[in-house]
Amino acid sequence: MTETHLQNRRLGYARVSTYGQTLDAQLEQLRGAGCTKIYREKVTGARADRRQLLKMLKHLAPGDVVTVTRIDRLARSCSPSSNRLLTPRRSSVLSRSRGPTPAPAPGA
């Protein structure tokens, strides 16, 4: 185990849905939160094959902290298919959101 893994790594995940949108505000917030590695992509939240998100999840280590600006950057809803993205891959991985949590969808 490297020294990096002895400490809590602060990882960030930024996503926008379309190429007309910018990641700038999210990146600024994640850097301000102390994220040393930020995974970023421009892809709709409805897709399950988000390469950068899957890459980040694959490389999580115990003690890592994942930060997002809003929880909907990880998953659009709390449907069963989205829940797998929110389930920690390792038992001691922490996650946090830097902004308000969106209201639940009607009927959720």
C-alpha atoms as a PDB file:
ATOM      1  CA  MET A   1       0.000   0.000   0.000  1.00  0.00           C
ATOM      2  CA  THR A   2       1.376   3.389  -0.943  1.00  0.00           C
ATOM      3  CA  GLU A   3       1.435   6.397   1.362  1.00  0.00           C
ATOM      4  CA  THR A   4      -1.329   7.972  -0.756  1.00  0.00           C
ATOM      5  CA  HIS A   5      -3.654   5.184   0.335  1.00  0.00           C
ATOM      6  CA  LEU A   6      -2.718   5.580   4.009  1.00  0.00           C
ATOM      7  CA  GLN A   7      -4.408   8.985   3.915  1.00  0.00           C
ATOM      8  CA  ASN A   8      -7.910   9.730   2.724  1.00  0.00           C
ATOM      9  CA  ARG A   9      -7.639  10.676  -0.943  1.00  0.00           C
ATOM     10  CA  ARG A  10     -10.103  13.358  -1.970  1.00  0.00           C
ATOM     11  CA  LEU A  11     -11.504  12.491  -5.368  1.00  0.00           C
ATOM     12  CA  GLY A  12     -13.995  14.584  -7.309  1.00  0.00           C
ATOM     13  CA  TYR A  13     -16.512  13.732  -9.998  1.00  0.00           C
ATOM     14  CA  ALA A  14     -17.907  16.386 -12.345  1.00  0.00           C
ATOM     15  CA  ARG A  15     -20.463  15.791 -15.082  1.00  0.00           C
ATOM     16  CA  VAL A  16     -22.565  17.856 -17.440  1.00  0.00           C
ATOM     17  CA  SER A  17     -25.224  16.420 -19.720  1.00  0.00           C
ATOM     18  CA  THR A  18     -24.481  18.172 -22.989  1.00  0.00           C
ATOM     19  CA  TYR A  19     -21.538  19.640 -24.839  1.00  0.00           C
ATOM     20  CA  GLY A  20     -23.164  23.075 -24.655  1.00  0.00           C
ATOM     21  CA  GLN A  21     -22.672  23.088 -20.877  1.00  0.00           C
ATOM     22  CA  THR A  22     -19.414  23.769 -19.049  1.00  0.00           C
ATOM     23  CA  LEU A  23     -17.718  21.946 -16.195  1.00  0.00           C
ATOM     24  CA  ASP A  24     -15.980  25.110 -14.951  1.00  0.00           C
ATOM     25  CA  ALA A  25     -18.169  25.841 -11.900  1.00  0.00           C
ATOM     26  CA  GLN A  26     -18.074  22.218 -10.733  1.00  0.00           C
ATOM     27  CA  LEU A  27     -14.304  21.996 -11.183  1.00  0.00           C
ATOM     28  CA  GLU A  28     -13.801  25.185  -9.178  1.00  0.00           C
ATOM     29  CA  GLN A  29     -15.959  23.878  -6.323  1.00  0.00           C
ATOM     30  CA  LEU A  30     -14.211  20.493  -6.303  1.00  0.00           C
ATOM     31  CA  ARG A  31     -10.764  22.086  -6.256  1.00  0.00           C
ATOM     32  CA  GLY A  32     -11.955  24.340  -3.420  1.00  0.00           C
ATOM     33  CA  ALA A  33     -13.039  21.222  -1.528  1.00  0.00           C
ATOM     34  CA  GLY A  34      -9.473  19.887  -1.734  1.00  0.00           C
ATOM     35  CA  CYS A  35      -9.956  17.253  -4.442  1.00  0.00           C
ATOM     36  CA  THR A  36      -6.579  16.153  -5.761  1.00  0.00           C
ATOM     37  CA  LYS A  37      -7.964  14.058  -8.629  1.00  0.00           C
ATOM     38  CA  ILE A  38     -11.124  15.023 -10.510  1.00  0.00           C
ATOM     39  CA  TYR A  39     -12.855  12.704 -12.936  1.00  0.00           C
ATOM     40  CA  ARG A  40     -14.906  14.629 -15.486  1.00  0.00           C
ATOM     41  CA  GLU A  41     -17.165  13.890 -18.412  1.00  0.00           C
ATOM     42  CA  LYS A  42     -19.890  15.272 -20.659  1.00  0.00           C
ATOM     43  CA  VAL A  43     -22.586  12.610 -20.889  1.00  0.00           C
ATOM     44  CA  THR A  44     -26.212  12.281 -19.860  1.00  0.00           C
ATOM     45  CA  GLY A  45     -26.884  10.993 -16.345  1.00  0.00           C
ATOM     46  CA  ALA A  46     -29.324   8.436 -17.738  1.00  0.00           C
ATOM     47  CA  ARG A  47     -26.480   6.397 -19.229  1.00  0.00           C
ATOM     48  CA  ALA A  48     -25.011   3.636 -17.086  1.00  0.00           C
ATOM     49  CA  ASP A  49     -21.785   3.399 -19.132  1.00  0.00           C
ATOM     50  CA  ARG A  50     -20.163   6.630 -18.001  1.00  0.00           C
ATOM     51  CA  ARG A  51     -16.508   5.787 -18.514  1.00  0.00           C
ATOM     52  CA  GLN A  52     -14.943   8.283 -16.098  1.00  0.00           C
ATOM     53  CA  LEU A  53     -17.387   7.432 -13.303  1.00  0.00           C
ATOM     54  CA  LEU A  54     -16.742   3.721 -13.775  1.00  0.00           C
ATOM     55  CA  LYS A  55     -12.976   4.373 -13.855  1.00  0.00           C
ATOM     56  CA  MET A  56     -13.199   6.310 -10.580  1.00  0.00           C
ATOM     57  CA  LEU A  57     -15.287   3.578  -8.924  1.00  0.00           C
ATOM     58  CA  LYS A  58     -12.809   0.926 -10.077  1.00  0.00           C
ATOM     59  CA  HIS A  59      -9.876   2.772  -8.485  1.00  0.00           C
ATOM     60  CA  LEU A  60     -11.479   3.625  -5.139  1.00  0.00           C
ATOM     61  CA  ALA A  61      -9.534   2.488  -2.099  1.00  0.00           C
ATOM     62  CA  PRO A  62     -10.571   2.210   1.559  1.00  0.00           C
ATOM     63  CA  GLY A  63     -10.654   5.658   3.123  1.00  0.00           C
ATOM     64  CA  ASP A  64     -11.114   7.544  -0.147  1.00  0.00           C
ATOM     65  CA  VAL A  65     -13.579  10.427  -0.119  1.00  0.00           C
ATOM     66  CA  VAL A  66     -15.604  11.114  -3.271  1.00  0.00           C
ATOM     67  CA  THR A  67     -16.990  14.635  -3.612  1.00  0.00           C
ATOM     68  CA  VAL A  68     -19.619  15.846  -6.074  1.00  0.00           C
ATOM     69  CA  THR A  69     -21.175  19.293  -6.354  1.00  0.00           C
ATOM     70  CA  ARG A  70     -24.670  17.764  -6.321  1.00  0.00           C
ATOM     71  CA  ILE A  71     -25.738  14.164  -5.806  1.00  0.00           C
ATOM     72  CA  ASP A  72     -27.500  14.139  -9.188  1.00  0.00           C
ATOM     73  CA  ARG A  73     -24.061  14.338 -10.830  1.00  0.00           C
ATOM     74  CA  LEU A  74     -23.683  10.664  -9.838  1.00  0.00           C
ATOM     75  CA  ALA A  75     -27.185   9.419 -10.560  1.00  0.00           C
ATOM     76  CA  ARG A  76     -30.233  11.102 -12.006  1.00  0.00           C
ATOM     77  CA  SER A  77     -32.668   9.296  -9.704  1.00  0.00           C
ATOM     78  CA  CYS A  78     -32.743   6.663  -6.994  1.00  0.00           C
ATOM     79  CA  SER A  79     -33.983   3.960  -9.326  1.00  0.00           C
ATOM     80  CA  PRO A  80     -32.503   0.465  -8.894  1.00  0.00           C
ATOM     81  CA  SER A  81     -30.180   0.961 -11.877  1.00  0.00           C
ATOM     82  CA  SER A  82     -28.838   4.191 -10.375  1.00  0.00           C
ATOM     83  CA  ASN A  83     -28.431   2.761  -6.892  1.00  0.00           C
ATOM     84  CA  ARG A  84     -25.564   0.565  -8.042  1.00  0.00           C
ATOM     85  CA  LEU A  85     -23.596   3.724  -8.830  1.00  0.00           C
ATOM     86  CA  LEU A  86     -24.166   5.065  -5.324  1.00  0.00           C
ATOM     87  CA  THR A  87     -23.233   1.839  -3.528  1.00  0.00           C
ATOM     88  CA  PRO A  88     -19.631   2.054  -2.289  1.00  0.00           C
ATOM     89  CA  ARG A  89     -17.343  -0.472  -3.932  1.00  0.00           C
ATOM     90  CA  ARG A  90     -15.407  -0.864  -0.692  1.00  0.00           C
ATOM     91  CA  SER A  91     -16.870  -0.676   2.769  1.00  0.00           C
ATOM     92  CA  SER A  92     -14.812   2.272   4.015  1.00  0.00           C
ATOM     93  CA  VAL A  93     -15.255   4.622   1.051  1.00  0.00           C
ATOM     94  CA  LEU A  94     -16.892   7.913   1.984  1.00  0.00           C
ATOM     95  CA  SER A  95     -18.858  10.230  -0.265  1.00  0.00           C
ATOM     96  CA  ARG A  96     -20.127  13.759   0.126  1.00  0.00           C
ATOM     97  CA  SER A  97     -21.937  16.395  -1.840  1.00  0.00           C
ATOM     98  CA  ARG A  98     -20.906  20.063  -1.922  1.00  0.00           C
ATOM     99  CA  GLY A  99     -24.373  21.441  -2.633  1.00  0.00           C
ATOM    100  CA  PRO A 100     -28.027  20.975  -1.800  1.00  0.00           C
ATOM    101  CA  THR A 101     -29.577  17.588  -2.426  1.00  0.00           C
ATOM    102  CA  PRO A 102     -32.328  17.803  -5.028  1.00  0.00           C
ATOM    103  CA  ALA A 103     -35.888  17.057  -3.938  1.00  0.00           C
ATOM    104  CA  PRO A 104     -36.967  13.457  -4.584  1.00  0.00           C
ATOM    105  CA  ALA A 105     -38.844  12.797  -7.794  1.00  0.00           C
ATOM    106  CA  PRO A 106     -42.620  12.530  -7.458  1.00  0.00           C
ATOM    107  CA  GLY A 107     -43.585   9.003  -6.460  1.00  0.00           C
ATOM    108  CA  ALA A 108     -40.044   8.132  -5.361  1.00  0.00           C
END
